[in-house]
Amino acid sequence: MAYTAPRTTTRPSSQRHPLVATAMVLPLAALLVVVFGGWDAVVTQASSVGVMLGR
């Protein structure tokens, strides 16, 4: 029978604080908005969601 390496058990990774996650995502999001000129699309989508939620 062939030797197979034993599987290692992985511990659940700790969760990041929401502010840390936000700080990691915002620069990339800002870059994508600038590169693709998507600010108008973001505003349009946000306003559509606001209307759907009744705000």
N, C-alpha and C. Protein backbone atom coordinates (compact mmCIF):
# COMPACT_ATOMS: atom_id res chain seq x y z
N MET A 1 0.84 -1.17 0.00
CA MET A 1 0.00 0.00 0.00
C MET A 1 0.89 1.24 0.00
N ALA A 2 0.48 2.25 -0.69
CA ALA A 2 1.27 3.47 -0.80
C ALA A 2 1.20 4.27 0.48
N TYR A 3 2.33 4.92 0.79
CA TYR A 3 2.37 5.77 1.98
C TYR A 3 1.74 7.10 1.65
N THR A 4 0.84 7.54 2.48
CA THR A 4 0.26 8.88 2.33
C THR A 4 0.58 9.68 3.57
N ALA A 5 0.92 10.91 3.36
CA ALA A 5 1.26 11.78 4.48
C ALA A 5 0.03 12.04 5.32
N PRO A 6 0.21 12.07 6.63
CA PRO A 6 -0.95 12.35 7.48
C PRO A 6 -1.44 13.79 7.27
N ARG A 7 -2.73 13.95 7.37
CA ARG A 7 -3.31 15.29 7.21
C ARG A 7 -3.10 16.09 8.48
N THR A 8 -2.78 17.33 8.29
CA THR A 8 -2.62 18.20 9.46
C THR A 8 -3.96 18.85 9.74
N THR A 9 -4.24 18.99 11.00
CA THR A 9 -5.49 19.66 11.36
C THR A 9 -5.22 21.15 11.45
N THR A 10 -6.11 21.90 10.87
CA THR A 10 -5.94 23.36 10.88
C THR A 10 -6.83 23.95 11.95
N ARG A 11 -6.27 24.90 12.66
CA ARG A 11 -7.06 25.60 13.66
C ARG A 11 -7.90 26.66 12.97
N PRO A 12 -9.06 26.94 13.49
CA PRO A 12 -9.85 28.02 12.89
C PRO A 12 -9.09 29.34 13.02
N SER A 13 -9.04 30.06 11.93
CA SER A 13 -8.30 31.32 11.96
C SER A 13 -9.06 32.36 12.79
N SER A 14 -8.31 33.18 13.45
CA SER A 14 -8.94 34.22 14.26
C SER A 14 -9.55 35.27 13.35
N GLN A 15 -10.63 35.86 13.78
CA GLN A 15 -11.31 36.86 12.97
C GLN A 15 -10.66 38.22 13.20
N ARG A 16 -10.63 39.00 12.12
CA ARG A 16 -10.09 40.35 12.22
C ARG A 16 -11.16 41.28 12.78
N HIS A 17 -10.69 42.32 13.40
CA HIS A 17 -11.60 43.37 13.86
C HIS A 17 -12.18 44.04 12.62
N PRO A 18 -13.46 44.41 12.64
CA PRO A 18 -14.07 45.03 11.47
C PRO A 18 -13.35 46.28 10.98
N LEU A 19 -12.79 47.06 11.89
CA LEU A 19 -12.06 48.26 11.45
C LEU A 19 -10.79 47.90 10.70
N VAL A 20 -10.13 46.82 11.11
CA VAL A 20 -8.92 46.38 10.41
C VAL A 20 -9.29 45.89 9.02
N ALA A 21 -10.36 45.13 8.93
CA ALA A 21 -10.81 44.65 7.62
C ALA A 21 -11.19 45.82 6.72
N THR A 22 -11.86 46.82 7.27
CA THR A 22 -12.24 47.99 6.49
C THR A 22 -11.01 48.75 6.02
N ALA A 23 -10.04 48.90 6.90
CA ALA A 23 -8.81 49.61 6.54
C ALA A 23 -8.05 48.87 5.44
N MET A 24 -8.18 47.56 5.39
CA MET A 24 -7.51 46.79 4.35
C MET A 24 -8.22 46.91 3.00
N VAL A 25 -9.54 47.03 3.03
CA VAL A 25 -10.32 47.02 1.80
C VAL A 25 -10.44 48.40 1.16
N LEU A 26 -10.52 49.45 1.98
CA LEU A 26 -10.77 50.79 1.44
C LEU A 26 -9.75 51.27 0.40
N PRO A 27 -8.44 51.08 0.61
CA PRO A 27 -7.51 51.55 -0.43
C PRO A 27 -7.74 50.87 -1.78
N LEU A 28 -8.00 49.58 -1.78
CA LEU A 28 -8.26 48.88 -3.03
C LEU A 28 -9.56 49.37 -3.66
N ALA A 29 -10.58 49.55 -2.84
CA ALA A 29 -11.85 50.04 -3.36
C ALA A 29 -11.70 51.43 -3.97
N ALA A 30 -10.95 52.29 -3.29
CA ALA A 30 -10.73 53.64 -3.82
C ALA A 30 -9.97 53.59 -5.14
N LEU A 31 -8.97 52.72 -5.21
CA LEU A 31 -8.20 52.58 -6.45
C LEU A 31 -9.10 52.12 -7.60
N LEU A 32 -9.95 51.14 -7.33
CA LEU A 32 -10.84 50.66 -8.38
C LEU A 32 -11.84 51.73 -8.82
N VAL A 33 -12.31 52.52 -7.88
CA VAL A 33 -13.24 53.60 -8.25
C VAL A 33 -12.55 54.61 -9.14
N VAL A 34 -11.32 54.97 -8.80
CA VAL A 34 -10.58 55.95 -9.60
C VAL A 34 -10.24 55.38 -10.98
N VAL A 35 -9.74 54.15 -11.02
CA VAL A 35 -9.32 53.56 -12.29
C VAL A 35 -10.49 53.36 -13.23
N PHE A 36 -11.60 52.86 -12.71
CA PHE A 36 -12.72 52.55 -13.58
C PHE A 36 -13.78 53.64 -13.61
N GLY A 37 -13.57 54.71 -12.86
CA GLY A 37 -14.53 55.81 -12.87
C GLY A 37 -15.91 55.38 -12.40
N GLY A 38 -15.95 54.54 -11.38
CA GLY A 38 -17.20 53.96 -10.96
C GLY A 38 -17.94 54.69 -9.87
N TRP A 39 -17.54 55.91 -9.54
CA TRP A 39 -18.20 56.60 -8.43
C TRP A 39 -19.68 56.81 -8.70
N ASP A 40 -20.03 57.17 -9.94
CA ASP A 40 -21.44 57.37 -10.28
C ASP A 40 -22.23 56.07 -10.12
N ALA A 41 -21.62 54.96 -10.50
CA ALA A 41 -22.30 53.67 -10.36
C ALA A 41 -22.51 53.33 -8.90
N VAL A 42 -21.52 53.63 -8.06
CA VAL A 42 -21.65 53.36 -6.63
C VAL A 42 -22.78 54.19 -6.04
N VAL A 43 -22.83 55.46 -6.38
CA VAL A 43 -23.89 56.34 -5.86
C VAL A 43 -25.25 55.87 -6.35
N THR A 44 -25.34 55.48 -7.61
CA THR A 44 -26.61 55.01 -8.16
C THR A 44 -27.08 53.75 -7.44
N GLN A 45 -26.17 52.80 -7.24
CA GLN A 45 -26.54 51.55 -6.57
C GLN A 45 -26.95 51.82 -5.12
N ALA A 46 -26.19 52.68 -4.44
CA ALA A 46 -26.52 52.98 -3.05
C ALA A 46 -27.88 53.64 -2.94
N SER A 47 -28.19 54.53 -3.87
CA SER A 47 -29.49 55.19 -3.81
C SER A 47 -30.61 54.20 -4.14
N SER A 48 -30.35 53.27 -5.05
CA SER A 48 -31.36 52.25 -5.38
C SER A 48 -31.64 51.36 -4.18
N VAL A 49 -30.59 50.97 -3.49
CA VAL A 49 -30.76 50.14 -2.29
C VAL A 49 -31.52 50.93 -1.23
N GLY A 50 -31.20 52.20 -1.08
CA GLY A 50 -31.91 53.04 -0.11
C GLY A 50 -33.40 53.13 -0.42
N VAL A 51 -33.73 53.25 -1.70
CA VAL A 51 -35.14 53.32 -2.10
C VAL A 51 -35.83 51.99 -1.81
N MET A 52 -35.14 50.88 -2.09
CA MET A 52 -35.73 49.56 -1.83
C MET A 52 -35.98 49.36 -0.34
N LEU A 53 -35.10 49.89 0.49
CA LEU A 53 -35.26 49.74 1.92
C LEU A 53 -36.25 50.76 2.51
N GLY A 54 -36.68 51.68 1.67
CA GLY A 54 -37.68 52.65 2.11
C GLY A 54 -37.08 53.84 2.83
N ARG A 55 -35.87 54.21 2.49
CA ARG A 55 -35.25 55.37 3.13
C ARG A 55 -35.19 56.53 2.18
